[in-house]
Protein backbone atom coordinates (compact mmCIF):
# COMPACT_ATOMS: atom_id res chain seq x y z
CA MET A 1 -25.43 14.52 -29.77
CA ASN A 2 -23.55 16.96 -27.51
CA LYS A 3 -20.22 15.99 -29.08
CA ALA A 4 -18.81 19.54 -29.14
CA GLU A 5 -19.32 19.92 -25.39
CA LEU A 6 -17.79 16.51 -24.62
CA LEU A 7 -14.72 17.28 -26.73
CA SER A 8 -14.24 20.80 -25.41
CA GLN A 9 -11.71 19.79 -22.74
CA GLY A 10 -9.60 17.01 -21.27
CA ASP A 11 -8.33 13.87 -23.02
CA ILE A 12 -9.85 14.83 -26.34
CA LYS A 13 -8.19 12.15 -28.50
CA ALA A 14 -9.25 9.32 -26.21
CA LYS A 15 -12.79 10.70 -26.03
CA GLU A 16 -12.97 11.03 -29.82
CA ILE A 17 -12.09 7.35 -30.14
CA ALA A 18 -14.66 6.33 -27.53
CA LEU A 19 -17.39 8.26 -29.35
CA ALA A 20 -16.40 6.78 -32.74
CA LEU A 21 -16.65 3.26 -31.30
CA MET A 22 -19.97 4.05 -29.67
CA GLU A 23 -21.41 5.34 -32.95
CA GLU A 24 -20.28 2.19 -34.78
CA ALA A 25 -21.86 -0.02 -32.11
CA ILE A 26 -25.17 1.85 -32.41
CA ARG A 27 -25.08 1.55 -36.21
CA SER A 28 -24.54 -2.20 -35.95
CA ALA A 29 -27.61 -2.54 -33.75
CA ASP A 30 -29.82 -0.56 -36.13
CA PRO A 31 -33.16 -2.41 -35.84
CA TYR A 32 -34.34 -1.27 -39.28
CA GLU A 33 -31.34 -2.87 -40.97
CA ALA A 34 -31.57 -5.96 -38.77
CA VAL A 35 -35.16 -6.60 -39.89
CA LYS A 36 -34.39 -5.87 -43.54
CA LYS A 37 -31.53 -8.38 -43.39
CA VAL A 38 -33.68 -11.32 -42.24
CA LEU A 39 -37.10 -10.63 -43.80
CA LYS A 40 -37.87 -11.23 -47.49
CA VAL A 41 -40.85 -12.04 -49.76
CA GLU A 42 -40.51 -14.35 -52.75
CA ASP A 43 -43.17 -16.09 -54.88
CA GLY A 44 -45.94 -15.93 -52.30
CA ARG A 45 -43.64 -16.99 -49.48
CA LEU A 46 -42.41 -15.09 -46.47
CA ILE A 47 -38.75 -15.94 -45.85
CA VAL A 48 -37.37 -15.25 -42.39
CA ASN A 49 -33.70 -15.92 -41.84
CA GLY A 50 -33.87 -18.69 -44.46
CA LYS A 51 -37.05 -20.31 -43.09
CA GLU A 52 -40.05 -20.24 -45.45
CA PHE A 53 -43.68 -19.53 -44.56
CA PRO A 54 -46.44 -19.69 -47.24
CA ILE A 55 -48.61 -16.58 -47.44
CA GLN A 56 -52.17 -17.97 -47.54
CA GLY A 57 -54.14 -15.36 -45.64
CA LYS A 58 -53.69 -11.93 -44.11
CA ILE A 59 -50.49 -10.57 -42.55
CA TYR A 60 -50.74 -8.58 -39.32
CA VAL A 61 -47.94 -6.71 -37.53
CA LEU A 62 -47.59 -6.05 -33.81
CA ALA A 63 -44.50 -4.16 -32.59
CA PHE A 64 -43.58 -3.04 -29.09
CA GLY A 65 -40.40 -1.63 -27.58
CA LYS A 66 -38.09 1.31 -28.07
CA ALA A 67 -37.18 0.04 -31.54
CA ALA A 68 -40.79 -0.71 -32.52
CA CYS A 69 -41.08 2.00 -35.18
CA PRO A 70 -37.87 1.39 -37.15
CA MET A 71 -38.58 -2.36 -37.04
CA ALA A 72 -42.15 -1.77 -38.22
CA LYS A 73 -40.90 0.60 -40.93
CA ALA A 74 -38.61 -2.15 -42.24
CA VAL A 75 -41.54 -4.58 -42.37
CA GLU A 76 -43.61 -1.99 -44.24
CA LYS A 77 -40.74 -1.51 -46.71
CA THR A 78 -40.57 -5.26 -47.33
CA LEU A 79 -44.25 -6.19 -47.29
CA GLY A 80 -46.03 -2.99 -48.32
CA GLU A 81 -49.71 -3.55 -49.11
CA LYS A 82 -49.50 -7.18 -47.97
CA ILE A 83 -49.95 -5.83 -44.42
CA ALA A 84 -53.65 -5.99 -43.50
CA GLU A 85 -53.32 -4.15 -40.20
CA GLY A 86 -50.72 -3.32 -37.58
CA ILE A 87 -49.91 -1.49 -34.38
CA ALA A 88 -46.61 -0.28 -32.92
CA ILE A 89 -46.21 0.75 -29.27
CA THR A 90 -43.08 2.74 -28.48
CA LYS A 91 -41.65 5.21 -25.98
CA TYR A 92 -42.61 8.89 -26.06
CA GLY A 93 -40.40 10.66 -28.58
CA TYR A 94 -39.43 7.42 -30.35
CA SER A 95 -42.18 7.32 -32.98
CA LEU A 96 -41.67 7.43 -36.74
CA PRO A 97 -44.27 8.02 -39.48
CA LEU A 98 -45.69 4.69 -40.68
CA LYS A 99 -48.08 4.06 -43.56
CA ARG A 100 -50.09 0.96 -42.62
CA ILE A 101 -49.24 0.49 -38.95
CA LYS A 102 -50.80 2.61 -36.20
CA VAL A 103 -48.39 4.09 -33.64
CA VAL A 104 -49.08 4.47 -29.91
CA GLU A 105 -46.55 6.24 -27.68
CA ALA A 106 -46.42 5.10 -24.06
CA GLY A 107 -44.45 5.32 -20.83
CA HIS A 108 -41.03 3.84 -20.09
CA PRO A 109 -39.43 2.77 -17.76
CA VAL A 110 -42.64 3.26 -15.78
CA PRO A 111 -45.77 2.17 -17.70
CA ASP A 112 -48.68 4.56 -18.11
CA GLU A 113 -52.26 4.35 -19.36
CA ASN A 114 -51.08 4.33 -22.97
CA SER A 115 -49.02 1.21 -22.22
CA VAL A 116 -52.27 -0.51 -21.26
CA LYS A 117 -54.15 1.00 -24.21
CA GLY A 118 -51.48 -0.23 -26.64
CA ALA A 119 -51.45 -3.70 -25.09
CA ARG A 120 -55.25 -3.95 -25.33
CA LEU A 121 -55.09 -3.00 -29.01
CA GLY A 122 -52.33 -5.58 -29.48
CA VAL A 123 -54.41 -8.30 -27.85
CA GLU A 124 -57.39 -7.41 -30.08
CA LEU A 125 -55.10 -7.64 -33.11
CA ALA A 126 -53.71 -11.02 -32.02
CA LYS A 127 -57.23 -12.39 -31.62
CA LYS A 128 -58.06 -11.42 -35.23
CA VAL A 129 -55.39 -13.78 -36.59
CA ARG A 130 -57.04 -16.84 -38.14
CA GLU A 131 -55.38 -20.19 -38.87
CA ASN A 132 -54.20 -19.20 -42.39
CA ASP A 133 -52.99 -15.76 -41.30
CA ILE A 134 -49.56 -14.60 -40.14
CA LEU A 135 -48.80 -12.32 -37.21
CA ILE A 136 -45.35 -10.73 -37.25
CA VAL A 137 -44.38 -9.62 -33.74
CA LEU A 138 -41.48 -7.17 -33.44
CA ILE A 139 -39.97 -7.14 -29.95
CA SER A 140 -37.28 -4.83 -28.59
CA GLY A 141 -35.99 -3.48 -25.30
CA GLY A 142 -38.49 -1.60 -23.21
CA GLY A 143 -41.29 -3.82 -24.45
CA SER A 144 -42.05 -5.08 -20.97
CA ALA A 145 -43.10 -1.63 -19.74
CA LEU A 146 -44.56 -0.41 -23.02
CA PHE A 147 -46.76 -3.51 -23.53
CA THR A 148 -48.50 -3.69 -20.18
CA LEU A 149 -51.80 -5.38 -19.40
CA PRO A 150 -52.39 -6.43 -15.78
CA GLU A 151 -54.01 -9.73 -14.92
CA ASP A 152 -57.67 -9.73 -13.88
CA GLY A 153 -58.13 -8.25 -10.42
CA ILE A 154 -54.98 -6.12 -10.58
CA SER A 155 -55.47 -2.43 -11.30
CA PHE A 156 -53.14 -0.39 -13.47
CA GLU A 157 -52.18 1.67 -10.41
CA ASP A 158 -51.21 -1.49 -8.48
CA LYS A 159 -49.19 -2.75 -11.46
CA MET A 160 -47.39 0.62 -11.63
CA LYS A 161 -46.62 0.58 -7.93
CA THR A 162 -45.17 -2.92 -8.24
CA ASN A 163 -43.08 -1.92 -11.23
CA GLU A 164 -41.71 1.11 -9.37
CA LEU A 165 -40.76 -1.01 -6.37
CA LEU A 166 -38.93 -3.50 -8.62
CA LEU A 167 -37.01 -0.82 -10.54
CA LYS A 168 -35.72 0.75 -7.32
CA SER A 169 -34.89 -2.54 -5.58
CA GLY A 170 -31.54 -3.31 -7.24
CA ALA A 171 -33.02 -6.47 -8.78
CA ARG A 172 -31.59 -7.60 -12.11
CA ILE A 173 -33.71 -7.17 -15.22
CA TYR A 174 -34.29 -10.95 -15.41
CA GLU A 175 -35.65 -10.93 -11.86
CA ILE A 176 -37.83 -7.89 -12.53
CA ASN A 177 -39.30 -9.58 -15.59
CA THR A 178 -39.95 -12.79 -13.65
CA VAL A 179 -42.36 -10.89 -11.41
CA ARG A 180 -43.83 -8.85 -14.28
CA LYS A 181 -44.73 -12.03 -16.17
CA GLN A 182 -46.75 -13.50 -13.35
CA ILE A 183 -49.00 -10.45 -13.03
CA SER A 184 -49.45 -9.80 -16.76
CA LYS A 185 -52.02 -11.05 -19.27
CA VAL A 186 -49.56 -10.91 -22.20
CA LYS A 187 -46.07 -11.72 -20.90
CA GLY A 188 -44.50 -15.13 -20.32
CA GLY A 189 -45.84 -16.58 -23.57
CA LYS A 190 -49.41 -15.53 -22.82
CA LEU A 191 -49.61 -13.44 -26.01
CA ALA A 192 -48.66 -16.51 -28.08
CA ARG A 193 -51.59 -18.44 -26.60
CA LEU A 194 -54.00 -15.97 -28.21
CA VAL A 195 -52.78 -16.51 -31.79
CA LYS A 196 -54.42 -19.22 -33.94
CA GLY A 197 -52.31 -18.63 -37.04
CA THR A 198 -48.56 -18.48 -37.64
CA LEU A 199 -46.70 -16.23 -35.24
CA ILE A 200 -43.25 -14.97 -36.26
CA SER A 201 -41.29 -12.95 -33.71
CA LEU A 202 -38.24 -10.87 -34.64
CA ILE A 203 -36.40 -9.98 -31.45
CA VAL A 204 -33.80 -7.35 -30.58
CA SER A 205 -32.24 -8.36 -27.26
CA ASP A 206 -31.66 -5.95 -24.39
CA VAL A 207 -31.06 -8.68 -21.79
CA VAL A 208 -27.71 -10.05 -20.63
CA GLY A 209 -27.03 -13.40 -22.32
CA ASP A 210 -30.03 -13.03 -24.68
CA PRO A 211 -32.48 -15.45 -23.00
CA LEU A 212 -35.58 -15.07 -25.18
CA GLU A 213 -37.95 -15.63 -22.28
CA ALA A 214 -36.57 -12.52 -20.55
CA ILE A 215 -36.60 -10.05 -23.46
CA ALA A 216 -39.68 -7.82 -22.98
CA SER A 217 -40.73 -10.54 -20.52
CA GLY A 218 -41.05 -13.13 -23.31
CA PRO A 219 -44.60 -12.65 -24.62
CA THR A 220 -44.12 -15.18 -27.45
CA VAL A 221 -41.89 -17.84 -25.88
CA LYS A 222 -42.32 -20.52 -23.26
CA ASP A 223 -41.34 -19.43 -19.80
CA PRO A 224 -39.34 -21.40 -17.23
CA THR A 225 -40.23 -19.11 -14.33
CA THR A 226 -43.04 -19.76 -11.88
CA PHE A 227 -45.07 -18.08 -9.16
CA GLU A 228 -42.60 -19.65 -6.73
CA ASP A 229 -39.76 -17.79 -8.45
CA ALA A 230 -41.66 -14.49 -8.32
CA TYR A 231 -42.42 -14.96 -4.62
CA ARG A 232 -38.76 -15.77 -3.88
CA ILE A 233 -37.56 -12.61 -5.69
CA LEU A 234 -40.08 -10.40 -3.93
CA LYS A 235 -38.96 -11.78 -0.57
CA LEU A 236 -35.25 -11.57 -1.48
CA TYR A 237 -35.47 -7.84 -2.19
CA SER A 238 -37.77 -7.20 0.81
CA LEU A 239 -40.68 -6.17 -1.40
CA TRP A 240 -43.36 -8.68 -0.41
CA HIS A 241 -44.85 -6.60 2.41
CA LYS A 242 -44.64 -3.41 0.32
CA LEU A 243 -46.74 -4.83 -2.53
CA PRO A 244 -50.32 -3.76 -3.24
CA GLU A 245 -52.78 -6.29 -1.83
CA SER A 246 -54.16 -7.22 -5.28
CA VAL A 247 -50.69 -8.24 -6.48
CA LYS A 248 -49.95 -10.23 -3.34
CA ARG A 249 -53.32 -11.99 -3.68
CA HIS A 250 -52.69 -12.91 -7.32
CA VAL A 251 -49.27 -14.38 -6.50
CA GLU A 252 -50.80 -16.28 -3.57
CA LEU A 253 -53.48 -17.73 -5.87
CA GLY A 254 -50.72 -18.76 -8.26
CA LEU A 255 -48.82 -20.47 -5.46
CA GLU A 256 -52.01 -22.36 -4.62
CA GLY A 257 -52.44 -23.46 -8.25
CA LYS A 258 -55.65 -21.48 -8.69
CA VAL A 259 -54.26 -19.25 -11.44
CA GLU A 260 -52.74 -20.55 -14.69
CA GLU A 261 -48.95 -20.43 -14.95
CA THR A 262 -47.12 -18.82 -17.85
CA LEU A 263 -46.62 -20.81 -21.09
CA LYS A 264 -44.61 -23.96 -20.41
CA GLU A 265 -44.47 -25.69 -23.83
CA ASP A 266 -43.26 -24.83 -27.34
CA LEU A 267 -46.19 -24.04 -29.62
CA PRO A 268 -45.85 -25.44 -33.18
CA ASN A 269 -47.26 -22.26 -34.77
CA VAL A 270 -44.78 -19.94 -33.02
CA HIS A 271 -41.34 -19.09 -34.43
CA ASN A 272 -38.88 -16.78 -32.63
CA PHE A 273 -35.78 -15.20 -34.23
CA LEU A 274 -33.07 -13.18 -32.45
CA ILE A 275 -31.85 -10.55 -34.92
CA ALA A 276 -29.71 -8.09 -32.88
CA SER A 277 -27.91 -8.19 -29.53
CA ASN A 278 -25.32 -6.62 -27.25
CA SER A 279 -22.68 -9.13 -28.33
CA LEU A 280 -22.98 -8.06 -31.96
CA ALA A 281 -22.72 -4.39 -30.96
CA CYS A 282 -19.59 -5.03 -28.88
CA GLU A 283 -18.01 -6.91 -31.78
CA ALA A 284 -18.73 -3.98 -34.11
CA ALA A 285 -17.04 -1.56 -31.68
CA ALA A 286 -14.02 -3.88 -31.49
CA ARG A 287 -13.74 -4.00 -35.28
CA LYS A 288 -13.83 -0.21 -35.44
CA ALA A 289 -11.07 0.05 -32.83
CA LYS A 290 -8.86 -2.26 -34.89
CA GLU A 291 -9.53 -0.12 -37.97
CA LEU A 292 -8.19 2.82 -35.94
CA GLY A 293 -5.02 0.85 -35.19
CA LEU A 294 -5.83 -0.05 -31.59
CA ASN A 295 -5.89 -3.47 -29.97
CA ALA A 296 -9.43 -4.15 -28.80
CA HIS A 297 -10.48 -6.53 -26.05
CA ILE A 298 -14.06 -7.51 -25.28
CA LEU A 299 -13.91 -8.30 -21.58
CA THR A 300 -17.49 -9.53 -21.28
CA THR A 301 -20.98 -9.13 -22.67
CA THR A 302 -22.55 -10.24 -19.38
CA LEU A 303 -21.53 -7.30 -17.18
CA GLU A 304 -23.74 -7.10 -14.10
CA GLY A 305 -23.67 -5.79 -10.57
CA GLU A 306 -23.98 -2.53 -8.64
CA ALA A 307 -22.88 0.20 -11.07
CA ARG A 308 -20.47 2.07 -8.82
CA GLU A 309 -18.78 -1.13 -7.63
CA VAL A 310 -18.45 -2.65 -11.11
CA ALA A 311 -16.92 0.68 -12.20
CA VAL A 312 -14.19 0.41 -9.56
CA ALA A 313 -13.31 -3.10 -10.78
CA PHE A 314 -13.29 -1.97 -14.43
CA GLY A 315 -11.16 1.02 -13.47
CA SER A 316 -8.70 -1.23 -11.66
CA VAL A 317 -8.08 -3.16 -14.90
CA ILE A 318 -7.51 0.13 -16.72
CA GLU A 319 -5.04 1.30 -14.09
CA GLU A 320 -3.11 -1.98 -14.27
CA ILE A 321 -2.81 -1.64 -18.05
CA TYR A 322 -1.82 2.02 -17.78
CA ARG A 323 0.89 1.51 -15.17
CA ARG A 324 2.15 -2.02 -15.92
CA ASN A 325 1.03 -2.96 -19.44
CA ARG A 326 -0.84 -6.02 -18.18
CA PRO A 327 -2.96 -7.95 -18.88
CA PHE A 328 -2.87 -5.94 -22.15
CA GLU A 329 -0.42 -3.44 -23.58
CA ARG A 330 -1.15 0.21 -24.30
CA PRO A 331 -2.57 1.65 -26.46
CA CYS A 332 -5.73 -0.41 -26.34
CA VAL A 333 -9.48 -0.38 -25.94
CA LEU A 334 -11.53 -2.34 -23.42
CA ILE A 335 -15.16 -3.11 -24.27
CA ALA A 336 -17.86 -4.58 -22.09
CA GLY A 337 -21.59 -5.04 -22.47
CA GLY A 338 -24.35 -5.95 -20.07
CA GLU A 339 -26.60 -4.24 -17.56
CA THR A 340 -25.49 -2.79 -14.24
CA THR A 341 -27.99 -1.78 -11.58
CA VAL A 342 -28.43 0.85 -8.87
CA THR A 343 -29.93 0.07 -5.49
CA ILE A 344 -31.82 3.10 -4.18
CA GLU A 345 -32.55 3.52 -0.50
CA GLY A 346 -34.34 6.65 0.60
CA LYS A 347 -34.51 9.82 -1.46
CA ALA A 348 -32.54 9.84 -4.72
CA GLY A 349 -31.34 12.54 -7.06
CA LEU A 350 -31.24 12.26 -10.83
CA GLY A 351 -29.22 9.70 -12.77
CA GLY A 352 -29.01 6.15 -14.03
CA PRO A 353 -26.69 3.12 -13.82
CA ASN A 354 -24.41 4.29 -16.63
CA GLN A 355 -24.11 7.80 -15.23
CA GLU A 356 -23.31 6.35 -11.83
CA PHE A 357 -20.76 4.02 -13.46
CA ALA A 358 -19.11 6.98 -15.21
CA LEU A 359 -18.94 9.15 -12.09
CA SER A 360 -17.57 6.26 -10.03
CA ILE A 361 -14.86 5.29 -12.52
CA ALA A 362 -13.79 8.94 -12.88
CA ARG A 363 -12.28 8.57 -9.39
CA LYS A 364 -10.24 5.56 -10.47
CA ILE A 365 -8.82 7.01 -13.70
CA SER A 366 -8.08 10.45 -12.27
CA GLY A 367 -4.63 11.60 -13.43
CA LEU A 368 -4.16 8.76 -15.94
CA ARG A 369 -3.56 11.03 -18.92
CA GLY A 370 -4.84 9.70 -22.24
CA VAL A 371 -7.58 7.59 -20.62
CA ALA A 372 -11.31 8.01 -21.23
CA VAL A 373 -14.29 5.84 -20.34
CA LEU A 374 -17.72 5.95 -21.95
CA ALA A 375 -20.67 4.24 -20.28
CA MET A 376 -24.03 4.34 -22.00
CA ASP A 377 -27.40 2.73 -22.45
CA THR A 378 -27.64 1.98 -26.16
CA ASP A 379 -31.23 3.26 -26.32
CA GLY A 380 -30.03 6.78 -25.53
CA THR A 381 -31.87 6.94 -22.19
CA ASP A 382 -30.12 6.03 -18.95
CA GLY A 383 -32.62 5.91 -16.12
CA PRO A 384 -35.38 8.56 -16.05
CA THR A 385 -33.15 11.18 -17.71
CA ASP A 386 -32.42 12.70 -21.12
CA ALA A 387 -28.84 11.38 -20.99
CA ALA A 388 -27.51 8.12 -22.43
CA GLY A 389 -24.75 7.94 -19.82
CA GLY A 390 -21.41 9.62 -19.28
CA LEU A 391 -18.00 10.13 -20.91
CA VAL A 392 -15.28 10.82 -18.35
CA ASP A 393 -11.50 11.12 -18.56
CA SER A 394 -8.44 11.67 -16.41
CA TYR A 395 -9.36 15.34 -15.90
CA THR A 396 -12.98 14.87 -14.79
CA MET A 397 -12.17 14.76 -11.07
CA GLU A 398 -10.17 17.99 -11.31
CA VAL A 399 -13.06 19.72 -13.05
CA LEU A 400 -15.46 18.54 -10.34
CA ARG A 401 -13.19 19.77 -7.55
CA ASN A 402 -12.89 23.16 -9.24
CA GLU A 403 -16.70 23.29 -9.35
CA GLY A 404 -16.84 22.51 -5.63
CA ILE A 405 -18.48 19.13 -6.22
CA ASP A 406 -17.78 16.14 -3.98
CA PRO A 407 -18.35 13.04 -6.18
CA GLU A 408 -18.75 10.83 -3.10
CA GLU A 409 -21.68 12.93 -1.93
CA TYR A 410 -23.28 12.83 -5.39
CA LEU A 411 -22.82 9.04 -5.59
CA ARG A 412 -24.37 8.56 -2.17
CA GLY A 413 -27.35 10.65 -3.22
CA HIS A 414 -27.63 8.88 -6.60
CA ASN A 415 -27.30 12.26 -8.29
CA ALA A 416 -24.68 11.42 -10.93
CA TYR A 417 -26.56 13.45 -13.55
CA GLY A 418 -25.90 16.71 -11.71
CA ALA A 419 -22.19 16.02 -11.23
CA LEU A 420 -21.56 14.91 -14.82
CA LYS A 421 -23.47 17.90 -16.18
CA LYS A 422 -21.20 20.27 -14.23
CA ALA A 423 -18.12 18.42 -15.53
CA LYS A 424 -19.34 18.56 -19.16
CA ALA A 425 -19.21 14.75 -19.07
CA LEU A 426 -22.90 13.98 -19.57
CA LEU A 427 -23.45 11.95 -22.75
CA VAL A 428 -26.63 13.06 -24.55
CA THR A 429 -27.32 11.19 -27.80
CA GLY A 430 -31.06 11.62 -28.16
CA PRO A 431 -33.19 8.60 -29.08
CA THR A 432 -31.14 5.95 -30.90
CA ARG A 433 -34.28 3.88 -31.69
CA THR A 434 -32.53 0.70 -30.65
CA ASN A 435 -31.77 -1.01 -27.37
CA VAL A 436 -29.20 -3.77 -26.95
CA ASN A 437 -28.35 -3.22 -23.31
CA SER A 438 -25.59 -1.04 -21.92
CA MET A 439 -22.02 -0.70 -23.10
CA VAL A 440 -18.74 0.45 -21.57
CA ILE A 441 -15.79 1.56 -23.71
CA GLY A 442 -12.45 2.29 -22.08
CA VAL A 443 -9.74 3.92 -24.18
CA ILE A 444 -6.16 3.75 -22.87
CA LEU A 445 -3.62 5.64 -25.00
């Protein structure tokens, strides 16, 4: 982490606290520990969060997402040679050495050919599972892009084009996944349909509110969304006429009832367990703040909206506390979790929602000495950049002005990365190997 650079100027004490809380939140969401906590083997039985499953045949492991490798490593530690075969698909740079599980690195947030290759291998593995066997599926954030297999008639290039359009549209992650599910062979419970034996999913949530059907587009759970929903979303964000013809045709066939919908019923052989989430990470940060003698307030774990606008609202609460000691008294910490979005129109610079949030809120907290705000994606990657987000304080605007940077211009051009880099406010953590959504920490001393 670039901690030395971040703490080289400005409201150093407030920034130190924000970083300490961030580190505690990341530790709490450690996917390796989360798996180890819920998975045990005793007397020929697999015990998952207290529920027992007899081991009568082979055990297979399929992992996909940014936390795939640490989750798979925890399963290897627990099950060892009981694992017959396994595959883990994760983001480039996020792999770990595994003994019995093959690792495939693939593209995120935009899928690539390895995403398809990994998904094909995963489907082959799922089809090997016989009635007495067990398939352990390890799902984490990023799984939707990393585990990509287009429906028949849709090329990989057309799937990629659709994904790119969705990511730039300003649509919420739940809406993006609704469309992804309808044009995928594995999402929306379709993977579960392939498994004849017992399927056990351990899930790390990166979706606001933790709806299982939305996490990695819900490959092992029943899905309430339909082709009608996908069509409505595509029309709402003015994407329908921009779609590749093969995707439009598939959705049209679905609307006509000529293509099977996603899974609509609970399958008796499928068991899903949520083992880590944004809420738990926010609670860990709050506990750490209290250990440091600060009052901590979790404002929400369902933060959504346009990043720069949500930042202004969050900053307004900070300013009210700073100037009037309401609704909370100083010193205190404000914590929020969720997933903000950025709507891109035309050419865009470099950045991500958390960087844009940080640059936007820097305007609001300018001059409020002893105030710092950290905004980050807990996976360590905010948008298509090497930064997790930003850490700004009451001096950030002054630094930008001295550098001749107009933050309004950089916000308009969606180039928050460039501005924060100049201000030494870019937060670079490297891969955290977890993903439980985004987090905002405001420190008011």
